[in-house]
């Protein structure tokens, strides 16, 4: 009966948060925090309705499904012009900040987490490197925050989990290999190259089919989003069947899908979605370039339920056996390990210390870290218990601290920006607004 009651509670939480989501979005009570808190109440610390031992497949399927859809949707939303539009910020955070975060996380794990092997320590740094903007949504949604910072954090969050995947696959393969065994390189290449090729082929083919069916009026707007969802699902299944990485495949499929679906038709026609199909009148809301919206919403729902399950079956049991080393590393992961690499990456950019601190603080750890941690757990590594504990506590603290601080710090930082801009109109943080003005780069194209 416990599973039925767990469904009742889960459905009630979804309905309740949905009813008050707009009101709560401006408070310290974030969506992930609500779902995680109810998850804790459903776990061994509360009603004991769920446990990882009883629901291992449900937990894995839910978390992985959410990550696959969000990886695909985030990658599909990436436009090359975004990296140019946001100027230096996402490139600095991804090309410099991400590797430094992984390296510093690896280094500090060595004295604080004794008992882990070299590659297990590397896994800790890699698993806790990707950020999840959804945990501090108010920080990137507040219009008072300069567009450069909001856009940069959003692009970073959408890309860094995909960029961390190859490092994770390599470290996991190395950690799971016994002495004298070979196969790390083969596993890495299969995951990276084979999965990448599968993702590009399926993503490109899916986008081409979507564009053609929409352009010729073959498909209905009601069914088009399901075609889009099929792309990451098929990609993931093919990559797993080929012993590759379904997550790398889903991410590359999203990249290929987004580039292809936004491309203007051959022959100089208008971009897809801008006119009627060849066979008649285009349906309202049928723009294929917006076809990932439903995928994003489904991913958001699954992600929210993932935090519910996380609180019940992962975080709850961990809190029963908490150690000081785990807490110290989790705090360092959210502060020094994130903020120092960001500060180093932004040297010479002209950003004020307040902006560097804001960008550094809002590096929440979320769904990607949970899924990577679960995958490492299933490899039965020697130090897997400690590794899982560190990941769970870090994500739990991130849900609490980043969600609670986002509205307050967003307002404070936005007020600082407005005051400073009055006395320094050439403020570097205002670069996007300056570019959008007449004669700026954004208005010239």
Protein backbone atom coordinates (compact mmCIF):
# COMPACT_ATOMS: atom_id res chain seq x y z
CA UNK A 1 0.00 0.00 0.00
CA UNK A 2 2.92 2.36 0.58
CA UNK A 3 3.51 2.81 -3.16
CA UNK A 4 -0.12 3.81 -3.70
CA UNK A 5 0.09 6.38 -0.91
CA UNK A 6 3.36 7.65 -2.38
CA UNK A 7 1.54 8.29 -5.67
CA UNK A 8 -1.23 10.10 -3.81
CA UNK A 9 1.27 12.37 -2.07
CA UNK A 10 3.23 12.98 -5.29
CA UNK A 11 0.09 13.88 -7.20
CA UNK A 12 -1.03 16.17 -4.39
CA UNK A 13 2.32 17.98 -4.35
CA UNK A 14 2.24 18.50 -8.13
CA UNK A 15 -1.32 19.83 -7.97
CA UNK A 16 -0.61 22.03 -4.97
CA UNK A 17 2.56 23.55 -6.36
CA UNK A 18 0.91 24.05 -9.72
CA UNK A 19 -1.92 25.99 -8.06
CA UNK A 20 0.46 28.35 -6.21
CA UNK A 21 3.54 28.27 -8.46
CA UNK A 22 3.30 31.90 -9.56
CA UNK A 23 2.92 33.22 -6.02
CA UNK A 24 5.76 31.04 -4.74
CA UNK A 25 8.10 32.01 -7.60
CA UNK A 26 8.82 35.37 -5.93
CA UNK A 27 9.47 33.89 -2.48
CA UNK A 28 12.28 31.92 -0.88
CA UNK A 29 10.24 28.73 -1.40
CA UNK A 30 11.44 27.36 -4.74
CA UNK A 31 9.86 24.48 -6.64
CA UNK A 32 12.78 22.07 -6.08
CA UNK A 33 12.73 22.92 -2.37
CA UNK A 34 9.02 22.12 -2.11
CA UNK A 35 9.40 18.78 -3.85
CA UNK A 36 12.55 17.84 -1.92
CA UNK A 37 10.91 18.71 1.41
CA UNK A 38 7.87 16.57 0.67
CA UNK A 39 10.23 13.83 -0.48
CA UNK A 40 12.00 13.91 2.89
CA UNK A 41 8.60 13.59 4.55
CA UNK A 42 7.86 10.52 2.43
CA UNK A 43 11.21 8.86 3.18
CA UNK A 44 12.67 7.11 6.23
CA UNK A 45 12.78 10.37 8.19
CA UNK A 46 9.01 10.70 7.85
CA UNK A 47 6.24 8.42 6.60
CA UNK A 48 8.64 5.85 5.12
CA UNK A 49 6.58 5.43 1.95
CA UNK A 50 9.56 5.04 -0.39
CA UNK A 51 13.06 3.61 -0.33
CA UNK A 52 15.79 3.08 -2.88
CA UNK A 53 15.90 -0.63 -2.11
CA UNK A 54 12.21 -1.01 -2.97
CA UNK A 55 12.06 1.37 -5.96
CA UNK A 56 15.50 1.23 -7.66
CA UNK A 57 14.20 1.03 -11.22
CA UNK A 58 11.60 3.76 -10.67
CA UNK A 59 14.23 6.08 -9.24
CA UNK A 60 16.68 5.47 -12.03
CA UNK A 61 14.08 5.68 -14.81
CA UNK A 62 12.63 8.92 -13.49
CA UNK A 63 15.94 10.70 -13.01
CA UNK A 64 17.39 9.51 -16.30
CA UNK A 65 14.24 10.35 -18.27
CA UNK A 66 14.21 13.87 -16.85
CA UNK A 67 17.88 14.42 -17.65
CA UNK A 68 17.57 13.05 -21.20
CA UNK A 69 14.69 15.39 -22.01
CA UNK A 70 16.35 18.41 -20.43
CA UNK A 71 19.72 17.71 -22.06
CA UNK A 72 17.98 17.51 -25.43
CA UNK A 73 15.86 20.62 -24.86
CA UNK A 74 18.78 22.67 -23.50
CA UNK A 75 21.03 21.69 -26.39
CA UNK A 76 18.28 22.37 -28.94
CA UNK A 77 17.92 25.88 -27.53
CA UNK A 78 21.60 26.69 -28.03
CA UNK A 79 22.21 29.12 -30.87
CA UNK A 80 25.71 30.06 -32.02
CA UNK A 81 24.62 33.68 -31.83
CA UNK A 82 23.93 33.22 -28.10
CA UNK A 83 27.62 32.72 -27.46
CA UNK A 84 28.36 35.84 -29.49
CA UNK A 85 25.49 37.85 -28.04
CA UNK A 86 26.48 37.19 -24.45
CA UNK A 87 30.02 38.14 -25.46
CA UNK A 88 32.74 36.77 -23.18
CA UNK A 89 30.73 35.45 -20.24
CA UNK A 90 29.53 31.94 -21.23
CA UNK A 91 32.75 31.18 -23.11
CA UNK A 92 34.84 32.14 -20.09
CA UNK A 93 32.64 30.14 -17.70
CA UNK A 94 32.66 27.05 -19.92
CA UNK A 95 36.18 27.05 -21.36
CA UNK A 96 38.01 28.21 -18.22
CA UNK A 97 35.64 28.00 -15.26
CA UNK A 98 34.34 24.46 -15.83
CA UNK A 99 37.76 22.71 -16.12
CA UNK A 100 39.08 24.68 -13.13
CA UNK A 101 36.01 23.70 -11.10
CA UNK A 102 36.55 20.03 -11.89
CA UNK A 103 40.26 20.26 -11.06
CA UNK A 104 39.73 22.13 -7.78
CA UNK A 105 36.93 19.77 -6.76
CA UNK A 106 39.23 16.83 -7.42
CA UNK A 107 42.08 18.44 -5.44
CA UNK A 108 40.07 19.38 -2.35
CA UNK A 109 38.34 15.98 -2.25
CA UNK A 110 41.72 14.30 -1.68
CA UNK A 111 42.32 15.46 1.94
CA UNK A 112 38.64 15.65 2.92
CA UNK A 113 37.37 12.33 1.59
CA UNK A 114 39.90 9.66 2.57
CA UNK A 115 39.21 6.20 1.28
CA UNK A 116 38.37 7.24 -2.25
CA UNK A 117 40.69 6.22 -5.08
CA UNK A 118 42.25 8.63 -7.57
CA UNK A 119 39.48 8.28 -10.16
CA UNK A 120 36.75 8.25 -7.54
CA UNK A 121 38.05 11.60 -6.32
CA UNK A 122 37.95 12.79 -9.92
CA UNK A 123 34.34 11.63 -10.16
CA UNK A 124 33.42 13.79 -7.17
CA UNK A 125 34.83 16.87 -8.88
CA UNK A 126 33.17 16.07 -12.21
CA UNK A 127 29.76 15.08 -10.83
CA UNK A 128 29.48 18.30 -8.84
CA UNK A 129 30.72 20.62 -11.61
CA UNK A 130 27.57 21.06 -13.81
CA UNK A 131 25.15 23.78 -12.75
CA UNK A 132 21.35 23.78 -12.78
CA UNK A 133 19.78 27.21 -13.22
CA UNK A 134 16.35 25.84 -12.23
CA UNK A 135 17.45 25.72 -8.57
CA UNK A 136 18.01 29.49 -8.54
CA UNK A 137 15.53 30.47 -11.23
CA UNK A 138 14.77 33.84 -9.67
CA UNK A 139 18.44 34.76 -10.00
CA UNK A 140 18.29 34.55 -13.80
CA UNK A 141 14.65 35.59 -14.22
CA UNK A 142 14.77 38.91 -12.35
CA UNK A 143 14.73 41.62 -15.02
CA UNK A 144 16.63 43.96 -12.70
CA UNK A 145 19.69 41.74 -13.11
CA UNK A 146 21.65 42.85 -16.20
CA UNK A 147 20.89 40.87 -19.34
CA UNK A 148 24.56 39.98 -19.77
CA UNK A 149 24.63 38.17 -16.42
CA UNK A 150 21.20 36.53 -16.81
CA UNK A 151 21.99 35.31 -20.31
CA UNK A 152 25.48 34.15 -19.42
CA UNK A 153 24.29 32.07 -16.47
CA UNK A 154 21.48 30.58 -18.57
CA UNK A 155 23.77 29.58 -21.44
CA UNK A 156 26.33 28.14 -19.01
CA UNK A 157 23.70 26.01 -17.28
CA UNK A 158 22.33 24.74 -20.59
CA UNK A 159 25.73 23.70 -21.93
CA UNK A 160 28.00 22.66 -19.06
CA UNK A 161 26.24 19.40 -18.21
CA UNK A 162 26.77 18.24 -21.80
CA UNK A 163 30.42 19.32 -21.74
CA UNK A 164 30.99 17.50 -18.43
CA UNK A 165 29.63 14.21 -19.80
CA UNK A 166 32.82 13.07 -21.62
CA UNK A 167 34.89 13.73 -18.50
CA UNK A 168 32.39 11.77 -16.43
CA UNK A 169 32.38 8.80 -18.83
CA UNK A 170 36.18 8.69 -18.84
CA UNK A 171 36.54 8.89 -15.05
CA UNK A 172 33.77 6.34 -14.45
CA UNK A 173 35.35 3.90 -16.87
CA UNK A 174 38.77 4.39 -15.28
CA UNK A 175 37.38 4.01 -11.74
CA UNK A 176 35.64 0.77 -12.67
CA UNK A 177 38.65 -0.85 -14.31
CA UNK A 178 40.70 -3.34 -12.33
CA UNK A 179 44.51 -3.43 -12.41
CA UNK A 180 45.89 -4.60 -15.71
CA UNK A 181 42.55 -4.36 -17.48
CA UNK A 182 42.14 -2.32 -20.64
CA UNK A 183 39.05 -0.87 -22.15
CA UNK A 184 38.89 2.66 -20.78
CA UNK A 185 39.80 4.18 -24.13
CA UNK A 186 37.35 1.94 -25.96
CA UNK A 187 34.55 2.82 -23.54
CA UNK A 188 35.35 6.51 -23.83
CA UNK A 189 35.48 6.53 -27.62
CA UNK A 190 32.30 4.48 -27.87
CA UNK A 191 30.50 6.86 -25.55
CA UNK A 192 31.85 10.03 -27.13
CA UNK A 193 32.23 9.27 -30.83
CA UNK A 194 29.62 6.61 -31.47
CA UNK A 195 27.00 8.28 -29.31
CA UNK A 196 27.82 11.63 -30.85
CA UNK A 197 27.36 10.30 -34.36
CA UNK A 198 24.08 8.60 -33.45
CA UNK A 199 22.84 11.82 -31.85
CA UNK A 200 23.76 13.97 -34.85
CA UNK A 201 22.14 11.56 -37.32
CA UNK A 202 18.91 11.04 -35.37
CA UNK A 203 18.64 14.70 -34.33
CA UNK A 204 19.24 15.95 -37.86
CA UNK A 205 16.86 13.42 -39.38
CA UNK A 206 14.15 14.22 -36.83
CA UNK A 207 14.46 17.95 -37.50
CA UNK A 208 14.35 17.41 -41.27
CA UNK A 209 11.23 15.26 -40.94
CA UNK A 210 9.58 17.84 -38.69
CA UNK A 211 10.38 20.72 -41.03
CA UNK A 212 9.19 18.91 -44.13
CA UNK A 213 5.98 17.66 -42.54
CA UNK A 214 5.16 21.13 -41.18
CA UNK A 215 6.12 22.92 -44.39
CA UNK A 216 3.92 20.66 -46.52
CA UNK A 217 1.05 20.47 -44.08
CA UNK A 218 1.37 16.73 -43.47
CA UNK A 219 1.35 16.89 -39.68
CA UNK A 220 -0.91 18.54 -37.14
CA UNK A 221 0.34 20.98 -34.53
CA UNK A 222 -1.12 18.71 -31.83
CA UNK A 223 1.13 15.77 -32.79
CA UNK A 224 4.29 17.67 -33.70
CA UNK A 225 5.59 17.88 -30.10
CA UNK A 226 5.43 14.09 -29.81
CA UNK A 227 7.65 13.78 -32.87
CA UNK A 228 10.13 16.00 -31.07
CA UNK A 229 10.02 13.89 -27.89
CA UNK A 230 10.65 10.77 -29.97
CA UNK A 231 14.04 12.13 -31.07
CA UNK A 232 15.82 11.99 -27.66
CA UNK A 233 14.01 8.77 -26.74
CA UNK A 234 15.14 6.97 -29.91
CA UNK A 235 18.63 8.42 -29.61
CA UNK A 236 18.99 7.29 -26.01
CA UNK A 237 17.77 3.76 -26.79
CA UNK A 238 20.10 3.39 -29.80
CA UNK A 239 23.13 4.61 -27.85
CA UNK A 240 22.43 2.28 -24.91
CA UNK A 241 21.94 -0.64 -27.33
CA UNK A 242 25.32 0.18 -28.88
CA UNK A 243 26.90 0.34 -25.37
CA UNK A 244 27.47 4.05 -25.72
CA UNK A 245 26.22 6.99 -23.65
CA UNK A 246 22.56 7.80 -24.08
CA UNK A 247 23.10 11.18 -22.41
CA UNK A 248 25.84 12.27 -24.80
CA UNK A 249 23.63 11.04 -27.64
CA UNK A 250 20.63 13.05 -26.36
CA UNK A 251 22.73 16.20 -26.00
CA UNK A 252 24.27 15.99 -29.48
CA UNK A 253 20.84 15.12 -30.90
CA UNK A 254 19.53 18.32 -29.35
CA UNK A 255 22.33 20.35 -30.92
CA UNK A 256 21.72 18.86 -34.37
CA UNK A 257 17.96 19.16 -34.01
CA UNK A 258 18.07 22.81 -32.96
CA UNK A 259 20.45 23.87 -35.73
CA UNK A 260 18.53 22.00 -38.42
CA UNK A 261 15.01 22.95 -37.36
CA UNK A 262 15.84 26.68 -37.27
CA UNK A 263 17.57 26.70 -40.63
CA UNK A 264 15.73 28.52 -43.42
CA UNK A 265 14.47 26.31 -46.27
CA UNK A 266 16.71 25.91 -49.30
CA UNK A 267 16.03 28.34 -52.10
CA UNK A 268 15.94 31.48 -49.98
CA UNK A 269 12.47 31.01 -48.53
CA UNK A 270 11.41 32.45 -45.21
CA UNK A 271 12.45 30.60 -42.06
CA UNK A 272 10.16 27.83 -41.12
CA UNK A 273 7.16 29.01 -39.17
CA UNK A 274 7.04 32.34 -41.00
CA UNK A 275 4.55 31.45 -43.72
CA UNK A 276 1.92 29.02 -44.93
CA UNK A 277 2.77 25.46 -45.95
CA UNK A 278 2.93 24.64 -49.63
CA UNK A 279 -0.35 22.77 -49.48
CA UNK A 280 -2.44 25.38 -47.68
CA UNK A 281 -2.73 27.49 -44.56
CA UNK A 282 -0.29 26.96 -41.68
CA UNK A 283 -1.91 26.03 -38.38
CA UNK A 284 -1.74 28.51 -35.56
CA UNK A 285 1.13 27.75 -33.18
CA UNK A 286 2.76 25.34 -35.62
CA UNK A 287 6.23 26.89 -35.74
CA UNK A 288 8.61 23.89 -35.67
CA UNK A 289 11.32 26.02 -34.08
CA UNK A 290 9.10 26.06 -30.95
CA UNK A 291 8.50 22.32 -31.03
CA UNK A 292 10.72 21.68 -27.99
CA UNK A 293 8.48 23.70 -25.66
CA UNK A 294 6.42 20.64 -24.72
CA UNK A 295 9.63 18.63 -24.23
CA UNK A 296 10.90 21.31 -21.84
CA UNK A 297 7.65 21.29 -19.86
CA UNK A 298 7.60 17.51 -19.62
CA UNK A 299 11.25 17.61 -18.56
CA UNK A 300 10.36 20.20 -15.91
CA UNK A 301 7.63 17.95 -14.51
CA UNK A 302 9.91 14.91 -14.43
CA UNK A 303 12.68 17.01 -12.91
CA UNK A 304 10.35 18.20 -10.13
CA UNK A 305 9.28 14.63 -9.41
CA UNK A 306 12.98 13.68 -9.41
CA UNK A 307 13.58 16.06 -6.51
CA UNK A 308 10.65 14.46 -4.69
CA UNK A 309 12.18 11.00 -5.15
CA UNK A 310 15.64 12.38 -4.33
CA UNK A 311 14.44 13.66 -0.96
CA UNK A 312 12.70 10.37 -0.16
CA UNK A 313 15.11 7.67 -1.28
CA UNK A 314 18.53 9.35 -1.46
CA UNK A 315 18.83 12.40 0.80
CA UNK A 316 16.71 11.05 3.67
CA UNK A 317 18.84 7.92 4.27
CA UNK A 318 22.05 9.98 3.90
CA UNK A 319 20.97 12.44 6.61
CA UNK A 320 20.67 9.54 9.05
CA UNK A 321 24.43 8.88 8.80
CA UNK A 322 25.88 12.34 8.13
CA UNK A 323 29.59 13.03 8.74
CA UNK A 324 31.40 16.35 9.19
CA UNK A 325 33.69 15.66 6.23
CA UNK A 326 30.73 15.37 3.89
CA UNK A 327 29.21 18.64 5.11
CA UNK A 328 32.52 20.52 4.85
CA UNK A 329 33.11 19.32 1.31
CA UNK A 330 29.53 20.17 0.30
CA UNK A 331 29.94 23.73 1.62
CA UNK A 332 33.28 24.09 -0.17
CA UNK A 333 31.75 22.75 -3.37
CA UNK A 334 29.08 25.45 -3.35
CA UNK A 335 31.50 28.23 -2.41
CA UNK A 336 35.25 27.98 -2.96
CA UNK A 337 35.20 25.22 -5.59
CA UNK A 338 32.67 27.19 -7.67
CA UNK A 339 33.49 30.80 -6.89
CA UNK A 340 37.29 30.75 -7.15
CA UNK A 341 37.34 29.26 -10.69
CA UNK A 342 34.67 31.78 -11.75
CA UNK A 343 36.74 34.64 -10.36
CA UNK A 344 39.84 33.39 -12.19
CA UNK A 345 37.87 32.88 -15.41
CA UNK A 346 36.57 36.46 -15.33
CA UNK A 347 39.89 38.19 -14.71
CA UNK A 348 40.35 41.01 -17.21
CA UNK A 349 36.71 41.17 -18.27
CA UNK A 350 35.99 44.46 -16.52
CA UNK A 351 33.14 43.07 -14.43
CA UNK A 352 32.77 44.58 -10.96
CA UNK A 353 33.39 42.39 -7.86
CA UNK A 354 29.66 42.36 -7.10
CA UNK A 355 28.94 40.78 -10.48
CA UNK A 356 31.74 38.24 -10.15
CA UNK A 357 30.44 37.23 -6.70
CA UNK A 358 26.85 36.98 -8.01
CA UNK A 359 27.87 34.80 -10.95
CA UNK A 360 30.08 32.69 -8.72
CA UNK A 361 27.41 32.09 -6.10
CA UNK A 362 24.68 31.10 -8.54
CA UNK A 363 26.15 27.82 -9.66
CA UNK A 364 23.50 25.46 -8.22
CA UNK A 365 23.98 21.69 -8.39
CA UNK A 366 20.93 19.75 -9.44
CA UNK A 367 19.60 17.05 -11.71
CA UNK A 368 22.76 16.29 -13.70
CA UNK A 369 24.73 15.74 -10.48
CA UNK A 370 22.00 13.43 -9.15
CA UNK A 371 21.94 11.28 -12.29
CA UNK A 372 25.73 11.11 -12.57
CA UNK A 373 25.90 10.15 -8.89
CA UNK A 374 23.28 7.44 -9.37
CA UNK A 375 25.20 6.02 -12.34
CA UNK A 376 28.38 5.92 -10.27
CA UNK A 377 26.45 4.23 -7.43
CA UNK A 378 25.32 1.46 -9.78
CA UNK A 379 28.94 0.70 -10.73
CA UNK A 380 29.53 -0.58 -7.16
CA UNK A 381 32.83 1.25 -6.82
CA UNK A 382 34.76 0.70 -3.56
CA UNK A 383 34.04 4.21 -2.27
CA UNK A 384 30.56 4.53 -3.73
CA UNK A 385 28.81 5.06 -0.38
CA UNK A 386 30.93 8.09 0.50
CA UNK A 387 30.71 9.44 -3.05
CA UNK A 388 26.91 9.18 -3.06
CA UNK A 389 26.71 10.82 0.35
CA UNK A 390 28.76 13.81 -0.81
CA UNK A 391 26.67 14.27 -3.95
CA UNK A 392 23.37 14.01 -2.05
CA UNK A 393 24.35 16.49 0.66
CA UNK A 394 25.76 18.98 -1.86
CA UNK A 395 22.63 18.91 -4.02
CA UNK A 396 20.40 19.12 -0.94
CA UNK A 397 22.28 22.16 0.37
CA UNK A 398 22.17 23.72 -3.07
CA UNK A 399 18.40 23.30 -3.33
CA UNK A 400 18.02 24.98 0.05
CA UNK A 401 20.60 27.77 -0.17
CA UNK A 402 20.37 28.77 -3.81
CA UNK A 403 16.60 28.62 -3.90
CA UNK A 404 16.22 30.65 -0.71
CA UNK A 405 18.84 33.27 -1.63
CA UNK A 406 17.81 33.83 -5.27
CA UNK A 407 14.95 36.34 -4.71
CA UNK A 408 16.83 38.37 -2.08
CA UNK A 409 20.18 38.49 -3.86
CA UNK A 410 18.50 39.09 -7.22
CA UNK A 411 16.83 42.21 -5.80
CA UNK A 412 19.99 43.41 -4.05
CA UNK A 413 22.18 42.88 -7.07
CA UNK A 414 19.61 44.47 -9.41
CA UNK A 415 19.40 47.53 -7.15
CA UNK A 416 23.21 47.77 -7.08
CA UNK A 417 23.31 47.58 -10.87
CA UNK A 418 20.71 50.36 -11.26
CA UNK A 419 22.55 52.65 -8.80
CA UNK A 420 25.95 52.03 -10.33
CA UNK A 421 24.67 52.51 -13.87
CA UNK A 422 23.53 56.04 -13.05
CA UNK A 423 27.10 57.09 -12.27
CA UNK A 424 28.89 54.74 -14.70
CA UNK A 425 26.88 54.48 -17.96
CA UNK A 426 29.72 52.55 -19.61
CA UNK A 427 29.45 49.77 -17.01
CA UNK A 428 30.68 46.49 -18.47
CA UNK A 429 27.64 44.66 -17.12
CA UNK A 430 25.49 46.88 -19.36
CA UNK A 431 27.24 45.71 -22.53
CA UNK A 432 24.18 44.02 -24.05
CA UNK A 433 22.00 47.08 -23.53
CA UNK A 434 24.67 49.24 -25.14
CA UNK A 435 24.92 46.85 -28.10
CA UNK A 436 21.14 46.94 -28.60
CA UNK A 437 21.15 50.73 -28.84
CA UNK A 438 21.22 52.44 -32.28
CA UNK A 439 24.61 51.89 -33.81
CA UNK A 440 25.41 48.96 -31.50
CA UNK A 441 26.40 45.53 -32.80
CA UNK A 442 23.04 43.97 -31.98
CA UNK A 443 21.20 46.45 -34.19
CA UNK A 444 23.50 46.21 -37.16
CA UNK A 445 22.62 42.71 -38.28
